[in-house]
Every structure is written in C-alpha cells, then in structure tokens.
PDB file of N, CA and C in Angstrom:
ATOM      1  N   MET A   1     -31.449  45.040  26.451  1.00  0.00           N
ATOM      2  CA  MET A   1     -30.029  44.974  26.696  1.00  0.00           C
ATOM      3  C   MET A   1     -29.341  45.120  28.210  1.00  0.00           C
ATOM      4  N   PHE A   2     -29.055  45.804  29.088  1.00  0.00           N
ATOM      5  CA  PHE A   2     -28.615  45.744  30.296  1.00  0.00           C
ATOM      6  C   PHE A   2     -29.300  46.279  31.109  1.00  0.00           C
ATOM      7  N   GLY A   3     -31.097  45.147  30.807  1.00  0.00           N
ATOM      8  CA  GLY A   3     -31.795  45.475  32.266  1.00  0.00           C
ATOM      9  C   GLY A   3     -32.176  46.765  31.952  1.00  0.00           C
ATOM     10  N   ILE A   4     -32.176  47.599  31.203  1.00  0.00           N
ATOM     11  CA  ILE A   4     -33.130  48.966  31.207  1.00  0.00           C
ATOM     12  C   ILE A   4     -34.640  49.178  30.260  1.00  0.00           C
ATOM     13  N   ASP A   5     -35.144  49.604  30.966  1.00  0.00           N
ATOM     14  CA  ASP A   5     -36.940  49.556  30.280  1.00  0.00           C
ATOM     15  C   ASP A   5     -36.552  50.800  29.205  1.00  0.00           C
ATOM     16  N   SER A   6     -37.829  50.865  28.699  1.00  0.00           N
ATOM     17  CA  SER A   6     -37.641  51.707  27.550  1.00  0.00           C
ATOM     18  C   SER A   6     -38.942  53.035  27.786  1.00  0.00           C
ATOM     19  N   ILE A   7     -38.789  53.031  29.822  1.00  0.00           N
ATOM     20  CA  ILE A   7     -39.453  54.444  30.355  1.00  0.00           C
ATOM     21  C   ILE A   7     -38.030  55.006  30.508  1.00  0.00           C
ATOM     22  N   GLU A   8     -37.014  53.989  31.051  1.00  0.00           N
ATOM     23  CA  GLU A   8     -35.401  54.240  31.840  1.00  0.00           C
ATOM     24  C   GLU A   8     -34.466  55.223  30.501  1.00  0.00           C
ATOM     25  N   ILE A   9     -35.318  54.576  29.563  1.00  0.00           N
ATOM     26  CA  ILE A   9     -33.947  55.541  27.935  1.00  0.00           C
ATOM     27  C   ILE A   9     -34.871  56.822  27.996  1.00  0.00           C
ATOM     28  N   ILE A  10     -36.388  56.593  28.357  1.00  0.00           N
ATOM     29  CA  ILE A  10     -36.794  57.678  27.820  1.00  0.00           C
ATOM     30  C   ILE A  10     -36.277  58.353  28.278  1.00  0.00           C
ATOM     31  N   ILE A  11     -36.715  58.882  29.611  1.00  0.00           N
ATOM     32  CA  ILE A  11     -36.326  59.244  30.952  1.00  0.00           C
ATOM     33  C   ILE A  11     -34.409  59.857  30.517  1.00  0.00           C
ATOM     34  N   VAL A  12     -33.800  59.003  30.491  1.00  0.00           N
ATOM     35  CA  VAL A  12     -32.469  59.624  30.188  1.00  0.00           C
ATOM     36  C   VAL A  12     -32.263  60.477  28.456  1.00  0.00           C
ATOM     37  N   ALA A  13     -32.959  60.006  28.000  1.00  0.00           N
ATOM     38  CA  ALA A  13     -33.061  61.069  26.747  1.00  0.00           C
ATOM     39  C   ALA A  13     -33.360  62.511  26.985  1.00  0.00           C
ATOM     40  N   ILE A  14     -34.069  62.507  28.270  1.00  0.00           N
ATOM     41  CA  ILE A  14     -35.124  63.832  28.103  1.00  0.00           C
ATOM     42  C   ILE A  14     -34.214  64.509  29.338  1.00  0.00           C
ATOM     43  N   ALA A  15     -33.422  64.138  29.960  1.00  0.00           N
ATOM     44  CA  ALA A  15     -32.353  63.813  30.735  1.00  0.00           C
ATOM     45  C   ALA A  15     -31.412  64.960  30.275  1.00  0.00           C
ATOM     46  N   ALA A  16     -30.755  64.341  29.013  1.00  0.00           N
ATOM     47  CA  ALA A  16     -29.706  64.327  28.448  1.00  0.00           C
ATOM     48  C   ALA A  16     -30.062  65.752  27.546  1.00  0.00           C
ATOM     49  N   LEU A  17     -31.574  65.891  26.748  1.00  0.00           N
ATOM     50  CA  LEU A  17     -31.934  67.147  25.423  1.00  0.00           C
ATOM     51  C   LEU A  17     -31.895  68.234  26.423  1.00  0.00           C
ATOM     52  N   ILE A  18     -32.034  68.139  28.002  1.00  0.00           N
ATOM     53  CA  ILE A  18     -32.753  69.326  28.797  1.00  0.00           C
ATOM     54  C   ILE A  18     -31.297  69.659  29.519  1.00  0.00           C
ATOM     55  N   PHE A  19     -30.253  69.382  29.657  1.00  0.00           N
ATOM     56  CA  PHE A  19     -28.501  69.166  30.072  1.00  0.00           C
ATOM     57  C   PHE A  19     -27.605  69.443  29.134  1.00  0.00           C
ATOM     58  N   ILE A  20     -27.830  68.604  28.258  1.00  0.00           N
ATOM     59  CA  ILE A  20     -26.704  68.922  26.965  1.00  0.00           C
ATOM     60  C   ILE A  20     -26.907  70.047  26.029  1.00  0.00           C
ATOM     61  N   GLY A  21     -28.732  70.381  25.577  1.00  0.00           N
ATOM     62  CA  GLY A  21     -29.148  71.058  24.967  1.00  0.00           C
ATOM     63  C   GLY A  21     -29.622  70.316  23.243  1.00  0.00           C
ATOM     64  N   PRO A  22     -30.428  71.166  22.326  1.00  0.00           N
ATOM     65  CA  PRO A  22     -30.481  70.473  21.095  1.00  0.00           C
ATOM     66  C   PRO A  22     -29.367  70.760  20.068  1.00  0.00           C
ATOM     67  N   LYS A  23     -28.869  71.709  20.452  1.00  0.00           N
ATOM     68  CA  LYS A  23     -27.292  72.296  20.001  1.00  0.00           C
ATOM     69  C   LYS A  23     -26.227  70.680  19.697  1.00  0.00           C
ATOM     70  N   GLU A  24     -26.111  70.785  21.069  1.00  0.00           N
ATOM     71  CA  GLU A  24     -25.185  69.247  21.632  1.00  0.00           C
ATOM     72  C   GLU A  24     -25.298  68.262  21.264  1.00  0.00           C
ATOM     73  N   LEU A  25     -26.563  67.764  21.204  1.00  0.00           N
ATOM     74  CA  LEU A  25     -27.030  66.268  21.335  1.00  0.00           C
ATOM     75  C   LEU A  25     -26.274  65.145  20.800  1.00  0.00           C
ATOM     76  N   PRO A  26     -26.736  66.166  18.721  1.00  0.00           N
ATOM     77  CA  PRO A  26     -25.437  65.406  18.134  1.00  0.00           C
ATOM     78  C   PRO A  26     -23.951  64.524  18.386  1.00  0.00           C
ATOM     79  N   THR A  27     -23.736  65.459  18.834  1.00  0.00           N
ATOM     80  CA  THR A  27     -22.143  65.713  19.223  1.00  0.00           C
ATOM     81  C   THR A  27     -21.896  64.706  20.278  1.00  0.00           C
ATOM     82  N   ALA A  28     -23.290  64.767  21.164  1.00  0.00           N
ATOM     83  CA  ALA A  28     -22.703  64.002  22.894  1.00  0.00           C
ATOM     84  C   ALA A  28     -22.679  62.324  22.153  1.00  0.00           C
ATOM     85  N   MET A  29     -24.293  62.441  21.196  1.00  0.00           N
ATOM     86  CA  MET A  29     -25.129  60.321  20.884  1.00  0.00           C
ATOM     87  C   MET A  29     -23.535  60.261  19.751  1.00  0.00           C
ATOM     88  N   ARG A  30     -22.834  60.725  18.711  1.00  0.00           N
ATOM     89  CA  ARG A  30     -21.684  59.953  17.820  1.00  0.00           C
ATOM     90  C   ARG A  30     -20.545  59.686  18.844  1.00  0.00           C
ATOM     91  N   THR A  31     -20.564  60.671  19.743  1.00  0.00           N
ATOM     92  CA  THR A  31     -19.498  60.152  20.672  1.00  0.00           C
ATOM     93  C   THR A  31     -19.756  59.228  21.409  1.00  0.00           C
ATOM     94  N   VAL A  32     -21.111  58.846  22.082  1.00  0.00           N
ATOM     95  CA  VAL A  32     -21.277  57.984  23.060  1.00  0.00           C
ATOM     96  C   VAL A  32     -21.572  56.980  22.182  1.00  0.00           C
ATOM     97  N   GLY A  33     -21.918  56.757  20.993  1.00  0.00           N
ATOM     98  CA  GLY A  33     -21.783  56.032  19.658  1.00  0.00           C
ATOM     99  C   GLY A  33     -20.322  55.455  19.623  1.00  0.00           C
ATOM    100  N   ARG A  34     -19.441  56.041  19.048  1.00  0.00           N
ATOM    101  CA  ARG A  34     -17.979  55.468  19.054  1.00  0.00           C
ATOM    102  C   ARG A  34     -17.216  54.566  20.242  1.00  0.00           C
ATOM    103  N   TRP A  35     -17.521  55.442  21.439  1.00  0.00           N
ATOM    104  CA  TRP A  35     -17.709  54.767  22.992  1.00  0.00           C
ATOM    105  C   TRP A  35     -18.151  53.637  22.813  1.00  0.00           C
ATOM    106  N   VAL A  36     -19.633  53.377  22.616  1.00  0.00           N
ATOM    107  CA  VAL A  36     -20.037  51.575  22.468  1.00  0.00           C
ATOM    108  C   VAL A  36     -19.759  50.550  21.244  1.00  0.00           C
ATOM    109  N   GLY A  37     -19.015  51.393  20.474  1.00  0.00           N
ATOM    110  CA  GLY A  37     -18.739  50.808  19.175  1.00  0.00           C
ATOM    111  C   GLY A  37     -17.184  50.186  19.636  1.00  0.00           C
ATOM    112  N   LYS A  38     -16.534  51.301  20.126  1.00  0.00           N
ATOM    113  CA  LYS A  38     -15.032  50.625  20.831  1.00  0.00           C
ATOM    114  C   LYS A  38     -15.663  49.562  21.649  1.00  0.00           C
ATOM    115  N   ILE A  39     -16.230  49.620  22.371  1.00  0.00           N
ATOM    116  CA  ILE A  39     -16.329  48.626  23.768  1.00  0.00           C
ATOM    117  C   ILE A  39     -16.644  46.982  23.252  1.00  0.00           C
ATOM    118  N   ARG A  40     -17.632  47.297  22.197  1.00  0.00           N
ATOM    119  CA  ARG A  40     -17.969  46.453  21.523  1.00  0.00           C
ATOM    120  C   ARG A  40     -17.215  45.172  20.521  1.00  0.00           C
ATOM    121  N   GLY A  41     -16.140  46.075  19.725  1.00  0.00           N
ATOM    122  CA  GLY A  41     -14.997  45.636  19.346  1.00  0.00           C
ATOM    123  C   GLY A  41     -14.364  45.067  20.505  1.00  0.00           C
ATOM    124  N   TYR A  42     -14.401  45.539  21.540  1.00  0.00           N
ATOM    125  CA  TYR A  42     -12.954  45.189  21.814  1.00  0.00           C
ATOM    126  C   TYR A  42     -13.620  43.473  22.935  1.00  0.00           C
ATOM    127  N   ALA A  43     -14.528  43.242  23.370  1.00  0.00           N
ATOM    128  CA  ALA A  43     -15.753  42.686  23.815  1.00  0.00           C
ATOM    129  C   ALA A  43     -15.574  41.535  22.584  1.00  0.00           C
ATOM    130  N   ARG A  44     -15.903  41.701  21.791  1.00  0.00           N
ATOM    131  CA  ARG A  44     -16.332  40.181  20.516  1.00  0.00           C
ATOM    132  C   ARG A  44     -14.722  40.440  20.567  1.00  0.00           C
ATOM    133  N   HIS A  45     -13.800  41.144  19.900  1.00  0.00           N
ATOM    134  CA  HIS A  45     -11.534  39.879  20.705  1.00  0.00           C
ATOM    135  C   HIS A  45     -12.005  39.770  21.327  1.00  0.00           C
ATOM    136  N   PHE A  46     -12.086  39.887  22.867  1.00  0.00           N
ATOM    137  CA  PHE A  46     -12.215  39.616  24.546  1.00  0.00           C
ATOM    138  C   PHE A  46     -12.895  37.884  23.902  1.00  0.00           C
ATOM    139  N   ASN A  47     -14.356  37.622  23.637  1.00  0.00           N
ATOM    140  CA  ASN A  47     -14.546  36.566  23.149  1.00  0.00           C
ATOM    141  C   ASN A  47     -13.964  35.501  21.860  1.00  0.00           C
ATOM    142  N   ALA A  48     -13.239  36.887  20.816  1.00  0.00           N
ATOM    143  CA  ALA A  48     -12.874  35.626  19.788  1.00  0.00           C
ATOM    144  C   ALA A  48     -11.455  34.754  20.347  1.00  0.00           C
ATOM    145  N   GLY A  49     -10.328  35.600  21.514  1.00  0.00           N
ATOM    146  CA  GLY A  49     -10.052  34.959  21.854  1.00  0.00           C
ATOM    147  C   GLY A  49      -9.966  33.601  23.383  1.00  0.00           C
ATOM    148  N   ILE A  50     -10.983  33.547  23.703  1.00  0.00           N
ATOM    149  CA  ILE A  50     -11.498  32.594  24.770  1.00  0.00           C
ATOM    150  C   ILE A  50     -11.579  31.442  23.899  1.00  0.00           C
ATOM    151  N   ASP A  51     -12.896  31.699  23.203  1.00  0.00           N
ATOM    152  CA  ASP A  51     -13.453  30.647  21.907  1.00  0.00           C
ATOM    153  C   ASP A  51     -11.765  30.291  21.712  1.00  0.00           C
ATOM    154  N   ALA A  52     -10.967  30.605  20.985  1.00  0.00           N
ATOM    155  CA  ALA A  52      -9.491  30.385  19.989  1.00  0.00           C
ATOM    156  C   ALA A  52      -9.165  29.399  21.911  1.00  0.00           C
ATOM    157  N   VAL A  53      -8.801  29.803  22.787  1.00  0.00           N
ATOM    158  CA  VAL A  53      -8.526  29.294  23.837  1.00  0.00           C
ATOM    159  C   VAL A  53      -9.362  28.135  24.378  1.00  0.00           C
ATOM    160  N   VAL A  54     -10.755  28.161  24.220  1.00  0.00           N
ATOM    161  CA  VAL A  54     -11.256  26.545  23.986  1.00  0.00           C
ATOM    162  C   VAL A  54     -11.161  25.827  23.357  1.00  0.00           C
ATOM    163  N   ARG A  55     -11.474  26.116  22.089  1.00  0.00           N
ATOM    164  CA  ARG A  55     -10.633  25.303  20.820  1.00  0.00           C
ATOM    165  C   ARG A  55      -9.483  24.334  21.504  1.00  0.00           C
ATOM    166  N   GLU A  56      -8.660  25.180  21.354  1.00  0.00           N
ATOM    167  CA  GLU A  56      -6.978  24.839  20.965  1.00  0.00           C
ATOM    168  C   GLU A  56      -7.194  23.528  22.744  1.00  0.00           C
ATOM    169  N   ALA A  57      -7.384  23.970  23.427  1.00  0.00           N
ATOM    170  CA  ALA A  57      -8.070  23.028  24.707  1.00  0.00           C
ATOM    171  C   ALA A  57      -8.654  21.902  24.272  1.00  0.00           C
ATOM    172  N   GLU A  58      -9.727  21.522  24.171  1.00  0.00           N
ATOM    173  CA  GLU A  58     -10.458  20.256  23.016  1.00  0.00           C
ATOM    174  C   GLU A  58      -9.467  19.989  22.447  1.00  0.00           C
ATOM    175  N   LEU A  59      -8.834  20.663  20.926  1.00  0.00           N
ATOM    176  CA  LEU A  59      -8.148  19.593  20.314  1.00  0.00           C
ATOM    177  C   LEU A  59      -7.367  19.001  21.027  1.00  0.00           C
ATOM    178  N   GLU A  60      -6.065  19.799  21.777  1.00  0.00           N
ATOM    179  CA  GLU A  60      -5.004  18.702  22.428  1.00  0.00           C
ATOM    180  C   GLU A  60      -5.989  17.804  23.597  1.00  0.00           C
ATOM    181  N   ALA A  61      -7.321  17.765  24.180  1.00  0.00           N
ATOM    182  CA  ALA A  61      -7.277  16.707  25.305  1.00  0.00           C
ATOM    183  C   ALA A  61      -7.651  15.705  23.668  1.00  0.00           C
ATOM    184  N   MET A  62      -8.597  15.926  22.380  1.00  0.00           N
ATOM    185  CA  MET A  62      -8.790  14.749  21.870  1.00  0.00           C
ATOM    186  C   MET A  62      -7.734  14.396  20.861  1.00  0.00           C
ATOM    187  N   GLU A  63      -6.958  15.473  21.445  1.00  0.00           N
ATOM    188  CA  GLU A  63      -5.168  14.368  20.494  1.00  0.00           C
ATOM    189  C   GLU A  63      -4.676  13.778  21.425  1.00  0.00           C
ATOM    190  N   LYS A  64      -4.843  13.659  22.631  1.00  0.00           N
ATOM    191  CA  LYS A  64      -4.136  13.181  23.770  1.00  0.00           C
ATOM    192  C   LYS A  64      -5.298  11.718  23.901  1.00  0.00           C
ATOM    193  N   GLU A  65      -6.464  11.708  23.489  1.00  0.00           N
ATOM    194  CA  GLU A  65      -7.116  10.227  23.326  1.00  0.00           C
ATOM    195  C   GLU A  65      -7.081  10.033  22.421  1.00  0.00           C
ATOM    196  N   TRP A  66      -6.324  10.503  21.312  1.00  0.00           N
ATOM    197  CA  TRP A  66      -6.169   9.638  19.929  1.00  0.00           C
ATOM    198  C   TRP A  66      -5.461   9.096  20.111  1.00  0.00           C
ATOM    199  N   ARG A  67      -4.084   9.797  20.576  1.00  0.00           N
ATOM    200  CA  ARG A  67      -2.533   9.144  21.025  1.00  0.00           C
ATOM    201  C   ARG A  67      -2.634   7.814  21.994  1.00  0.00           C
ATOM    202  N   GLU A  68      -4.011   7.943  22.833  1.00  0.00           N
ATOM    203  CA  GLU A  68      -4.080   6.704  23.935  1.00  0.00           C
ATOM    204  C   GLU A  68      -4.654   5.913  23.346  1.00  0.00           C
ATOM    205  N   GLN A  69      -5.591   5.808  22.365  1.00  0.00           N
ATOM    206  CA  GLN A  69      -6.408   4.758  21.502  1.00  0.00           C
ATOM    207  C   GLN A  69      -5.297   4.157  20.740  1.00  0.00           C
ATOM    208  N   ASN A  70      -5.047   5.147  19.664  1.00  0.00           N
ATOM    209  CA  ASN A  70      -3.486   4.707  19.211  1.00  0.00           C
ATOM    210  C   ASN A  70      -2.794   3.536  19.723  1.00  0.00           C
ATOM    211  N   ALA A  71      -2.013   3.983  20.697  1.00  0.00           N
ATOM    212  CA  ALA A  71      -1.153   3.184  21.349  1.00  0.00           C
ATOM    213  C   ALA A  71      -1.921   1.873  22.045  1.00  0.00           C
ATOM    214  N   ARG A  72      -2.941   1.616  22.188  1.00  0.00           N
ATOM    215  CA  ARG A  72      -4.108   0.930  23.145  1.00  0.00           C
ATOM    216  C   ARG A  72      -3.804  -0.147  20.947  1.00  0.00           C
ATOM    217  N   ILE A  73      -4.162   0.187  20.135  1.00  0.00           N
ATOM    218  CA  ILE A  73      -4.807  -0.479  19.105  1.00  0.00           C
ATOM    219  C   ILE A  73      -2.646  -1.067  19.027  1.00  0.00           C
ATOM    220  N   MET A  74      -2.106  -0.013  18.968  1.00  0.00           N
ATOM    221  CA  MET A  74      -0.575  -0.864  18.229  1.00  0.00           C
ATOM    222  C   MET A  74      -0.107  -1.360  19.375  1.00  0.00           C
ATOM    223  N   ALA A  75      -0.679  -1.282  20.284  1.00  0.00           N
ATOM    224  CA  ALA A  75       0.055  -2.501  21.587  1.00  0.00           C
ATOM    225  C   ALA A  75      -1.014  -4.391  21.011  1.00  0.00           C
ATOM    226  N   LYS A  76      -2.068  -3.772  21.054  1.00  0.00           N
ATOM    227  CA  LYS A  76      -3.097  -5.396  20.373  1.00  0.00           C
ATOM    228  C   LYS A  76      -2.637  -5.461  19.032  1.00  0.00           C
ATOM    229  N   TYR A  77      -1.928  -5.482  17.976  1.00  0.00           N
ATOM    230  CA  TYR A  77      -1.287  -5.420  17.308  1.00  0.00           C
ATOM    231  C   TYR A  77      -0.679  -4.854  16.525  1.00  0.00           C
ATOM    232  N   PRO A  78       0.886  -5.372  16.641  1.00  0.00           N
ATOM    233  CA  PRO A  78       2.316  -5.847  16.792  1.00  0.00           C
ATOM    234  C   PRO A  78       2.451  -4.392  14.999  1.00  0.00           C
ATOM    235  N   ALA A  79       3.415  -4.087  14.837  1.00  0.00           N
ATOM    236  CA  ALA A  79       4.019  -3.699  13.662  1.00  0.00           C
ATOM    237  C   ALA A  79       4.559  -4.895  12.457  1.00  0.00           C
ATOM    238  N   ALA A  80       4.914  -6.443  13.061  1.00  0.00           N
ATOM    239  CA  ALA A  80       5.257  -7.394  12.354  1.00  0.00           C
ATOM    240  C   ALA A  80       4.006  -7.971  11.752  1.00  0.00           C
ATOM    241  N   ASP A  81       2.979  -7.402  12.058  1.00  0.00           N
ATOM    242  CA  ASP A  81       1.221  -8.225  11.632  1.00  0.00           C
ATOM    243  C   ASP A  81       1.080  -7.395  10.559  1.00  0.00           C
ATOM    244  N   PHE A  82       1.213  -6.206   9.991  1.00  0.00           N
ATOM    245  CA  PHE A  82       1.149  -5.071   9.108  1.00  0.00           C
ATOM    246  C   PHE A  82       2.167  -5.111   7.444  1.00  0.00           C
ATOM    247  N   ALA A  83       2.946  -6.027   8.214  1.00  0.00           N
ATOM    248  CA  ALA A  83       4.254  -5.603   7.011  1.00  0.00           C
ATOM    249  C   ALA A  83       4.161  -6.829   6.314  1.00  0.00           C
ATOM    250  N   ASP A  84       3.834  -8.018   6.149  1.00  0.00           N
ATOM    251  CA  ASP A  84       3.014  -8.900   5.763  1.00  0.00           C
ATOM    252  C   ASP A  84       1.913  -8.300   5.105  1.00  0.00           C
ATOM    253  N   ASP A  85       1.127  -7.663   5.123  1.00  0.00           N
ATOM    254  CA  ASP A  85       0.043  -6.882   4.692  1.00  0.00           C
ATOM    255  C   ASP A  85      -0.118  -6.208   3.722  1.00  0.00           C
ATOM    256  N   GLU A  86       1.014  -5.466   3.912  1.00  0.00           N
ATOM    257  CA  GLU A  86       1.444  -4.965   2.577  1.00  0.00           C
ATOM    258  C   GLU A  86       2.291  -5.075   1.818  1.00  0.00           C
ATOM    259  N   VAL A  87       3.047  -6.069   1.979  1.00  0.00           N
ATOM    260  CA  VAL A  87       3.754  -7.299   1.021  1.00  0.00           C
ATOM    261  C   VAL A  87       2.085  -7.763   0.579  1.00  0.00           C
ATOM    262  N   MET A  88       1.256  -8.536   0.802  1.00  0.00           N
ATOM    263  CA  MET A  88       0.746  -8.674  -0.191  1.00  0.00           C
ATOM    264  C   MET A  88      -0.589  -8.027  -1.194  1.00  0.00           C
ATOM    265  N   THR A  89      -0.128  -7.047  -0.567  1.00  0.00           N
ATOM    266  CA  THR A  89      -1.163  -6.022  -1.542  1.00  0.00           C
ATOM    267  C   THR A  89       0.079  -5.370  -2.703  1.00  0.00           C
ATOM    268  N   ASP A  90       1.164  -5.412  -2.487  1.00  0.00           N
ATOM    269  CA  ASP A  90       2.060  -4.895  -3.210  1.00  0.00           C
ATOM    270  C   ASP A  90       1.919  -5.842  -4.622  1.00  0.00           C
ATOM    271  N   LYS A  91       1.540  -7.457  -4.116  1.00  0.00           N
ATOM    272  CA  LYS A  91       1.615  -8.540  -5.163  1.00  0.00           C
ATOM    273  C   LYS A  91       0.436  -8.377  -6.077  1.00  0.00           C
ATOM    274  N   ALA A  92      -0.638  -8.339  -5.529  1.00  0.00           N
ATOM    275  CA  ALA A  92      -1.747  -8.578  -6.345  1.00  0.00           C
ATOM    276  C   ALA A  92      -2.176  -6.937  -7.228  1.00  0.00           C
ATOM    277  N   GLU A  93      -1.189  -6.002  -5.893  1.00  0.00           N
ATOM    278  CA  GLU A  93      -1.442  -4.523  -7.738  1.00  0.00           C
ATOM    279  C   GLU A  93      -0.313  -5.096  -9.038  1.00  0.00           C
ATOM    280  N   ASP A  94       0.732  -5.461  -8.677  1.00  0.00           N
ATOM    281  CA  ASP A  94       1.951  -6.126  -9.587  1.00  0.00           C
ATOM    282  C   ASP A  94       0.908  -6.597 -10.819  1.00  0.00           C
ATOM    283  N   LYS A  95      -0.003  -7.864 -10.382  1.00  0.00           N
ATOM    284  CA  LYS A  95      -0.713  -8.909 -11.215  1.00  0.00           C
ATOM    285  C   LYS A  95      -2.284  -8.053 -11.873  1.00  0.00           C
ATOM    286  N   LYS A  96      -1.965  -6.938 -11.879  1.00  0.00           N
ATOM    287  CA  LYS A  96      -2.962  -6.352 -12.741  1.00  0.00           C
ATOM    288  C   LYS A  96      -2.693  -6.346 -14.224  1.00  0.00           C
ATOM    289  N   GLN A  97      -3.846  -6.705 -15.182  1.00  0.00           N
ATOM    290  CA  GLN A  97      -3.612  -6.775 -16.100  1.00  0.00           C
ATOM    291  C   GLN A  97      -3.074  -5.257 -16.906  1.00  0.00           C
ATOM    292  N   PRO A  98      -2.659  -5.016 -18.031  1.00  0.00           N
ATOM    293  CA  PRO A  98      -2.015  -3.814 -18.573  1.00  0.00           C
ATOM    294  C   PRO A  98      -3.740  -3.370 -19.128  1.00  0.00           C
ATOM    295  N   ASP A  99      -3.549  -2.134 -19.503  1.00  0.00           N
ATOM    296  CA  ASP A  99      -4.447  -1.817 -20.525  1.00  0.00           C
ATOM    297  C   ASP A  99      -4.227  -2.571 -22.131  1.00  0.00           C
ATOM    298  N   LEU A 100      -5.160  -2.534 -22.836  1.00  0.00           N
ATOM    299  CA  LEU A 100      -5.242  -3.744 -23.682  1.00  0.00           C
ATOM    300  C   LEU A 100      -5.780  -1.910 -24.739  1.00  0.00           C
ATOM    301  N   PRO A 101      -5.307  -1.791 -26.475  1.00  0.00           N
ATOM    302  CA  PRO A 101      -6.511  -1.257 -26.818  1.00  0.00           C
ATOM    303  C   PRO A 101      -7.677  -2.288 -27.721  1.00  0.00           C
ATOM    304  N   LEU A 102      -8.156  -1.291 -27.180  1.00  0.00           N
ATOM    305  CA  LEU A 102      -9.868  -2.161 -28.042  1.00  0.00           C
ATOM    306  C   LEU A 102     -10.133  -2.894 -29.264  1.00  0.00           C
ATOM    307  N   GLU A 103     -10.831  -3.834 -29.170  1.00  0.00           N
ATOM    308  CA  GLU A 103     -11.193  -3.794 -30.746  1.00  0.00           C
ATOM    309  C   GLU A 103     -10.846  -3.421 -32.113  1.00  0.00           C
ATOM    310  N   ASP A 104     -12.610  -1.943 -31.364  1.00  0.00           N
ATOM    311  CA  ASP A 104     -12.563  -1.572 -32.763  1.00  0.00           C
ATOM    312  C   ASP A 104     -12.115  -0.161 -32.919  1.00  0.00           C
ATOM    313  N   GLU A 105     -11.286  -0.223 -32.003  1.00  0.00           N
ATOM    314  CA  GLU A 105     -10.295   1.620 -32.907  1.00  0.00           C
ATOM    315  C   GLU A 105     -10.001   1.124 -33.445  1.00  0.00           C
ATOM    316  N   ASP A 106      -9.711   2.535 -34.154  1.00  0.00           N
ATOM    317  CA  ASP A 106      -9.171   3.041 -35.526  1.00  0.00           C
ATOM    318  C   ASP A 106      -7.872   2.768 -35.299  1.00  0.00           C
ATOM    319  N   LYS A 107      -6.828   2.775 -36.337  1.00  0.00           N
ATOM    320  CA  LYS A 107      -5.863   2.799 -35.874  1.00  0.00           C
ATOM    321  C   LYS A 107      -4.583   4.023 -36.911  1.00  0.00           C
ATOM    322  N   ARG A 108      -6.154   3.957 -37.739  1.00  0.00           N
ATOM    323  CA  ARG A 108      -5.174   4.893 -38.582  1.00  0.00           C
ATOM    324  C   ARG A 108      -5.021   6.795 -38.184  1.00  0.00           C
ATOM    325  N   PRO A 109      -4.318   7.509 -37.897  1.00  0.00           N
ATOM    326  CA  PRO A 109      -3.699   8.554 -38.103  1.00  0.00           C
ATOM    327  C   PRO A 109      -5.513   9.741 -38.057  1.00  0.00           C
ATOM    328  N   PRO A 110      -5.199  10.718 -37.051  1.00  0.00           N
ATOM    329  CA  PRO A 110      -6.417  11.125 -37.422  1.00  0.00           C
ATOM    330  C   PRO A 110      -7.154  11.583 -38.562  1.00  0.00           C
ATOM    331  N   GLY A 111      -6.281  12.310 -38.621  1.00  0.00           N
ATOM    332  CA  GLY A 111      -6.105  13.016 -40.338  1.00  0.00           C
ATOM    333  C   GLY A 111      -7.285  12.113 -41.494  1.00  0.00           C
ATOM    334  N   GLU A 112      -6.524  10.496 -41.115  1.00  0.00           N
ATOM    335  CA  GLU A 112      -7.495  10.494 -42.526  1.00  0.00           C
ATOM    336  C   GLU A 112      -8.384   8.865 -41.828  1.00  0.00           C
ATOM    337  N   ARG A 113      -9.280   9.650 -40.572  1.00  0.00           N
ATOM    338  CA  ARG A 113     -10.340   8.723 -40.248  1.00  0.00           C
ATOM    339  C   ARG A 113     -11.518   9.408 -41.312  1.00  0.00           C
ATOM    340  N   GLU A 114     -12.514   8.631 -40.293  1.00  0.00           N
ATOM    341  CA  GLU A 114     -13.500   9.445 -41.122  1.00  0.00           C
ATOM    342  C   GLU A 114     -14.751   9.765 -40.356  1.00  0.00           C
ATOM    343  N   LEU A 115     -15.284  11.133 -40.932  1.00  0.00           N
ATOM    344  CA  LEU A 115     -16.243  11.445 -39.227  1.00  0.00           C
ATOM    345  C   LEU A 115     -17.144  10.972 -39.632  1.00  0.00           C
ATOM    346  N   PRO A 116     -17.647  10.944 -38.268  1.00  0.00           N
ATOM    347  CA  PRO A 116     -18.993  10.382 -37.842  1.00  0.00           C
ATOM    348  C   PRO A 116     -19.958  11.083 -38.607  1.00  0.00           C
TER     349      PRO A 116
END
C-alpha cells in the first residue's frame, strides 16, 4: 500500500484497540474509512483532470500535424485539378441507367395475384 507491512498494520490495530477502546473502535474505523474514501475520490478526480489535459494536448498536437500535412498536400495538388475530377464523376453518375421493371414481375394488383 504505502510501504506498510502487515506487521506494522497489526501493531497499529493493537495500539488503536488499547488507546481507543473496543467501544469506540468501530466508530473510529468508520470515520477513518470515510476519510480514506474522500481522499481516494479527490485523487480519482485529480487523475481524471490530468488525463483530460494530457488527451487535449495530444489532440492539439495531432490536429496541428494534420493541418501541416493538409497544407503540404494542398500545395502539391492545387484545387483547380480537383474541380475537373468532380465534373467527370458527376457526368459518370448521370449516365447510370434507370431501374427497369423485371420481365417476370406480375403487374396485377395484389388482391388479384395468385398465392405461392
């Protein structure tokens, strides 16, 4: 735990039993437990805050790197080249054939069709 051996814990427990007494020992242990719980909660909150700050710093560094890479790519390939590609893909999509009905399709209303 904090570098405390089991022998030391036993000595502290015996000393607490002697000095606090068996009547007040459960109350004292509850109080110590509450304090330890509060301290652990504060430590968890502190660690979560530190982790959030570290994650934000990492994200900012990655975003800066991505912006630099994007700037290099955009400098290498100007936007005018991309405009021609977009026009070509739009024309290719316009040449698609419309969906035609199947030859086997029964054109009668649903009430008049035969059941399988």
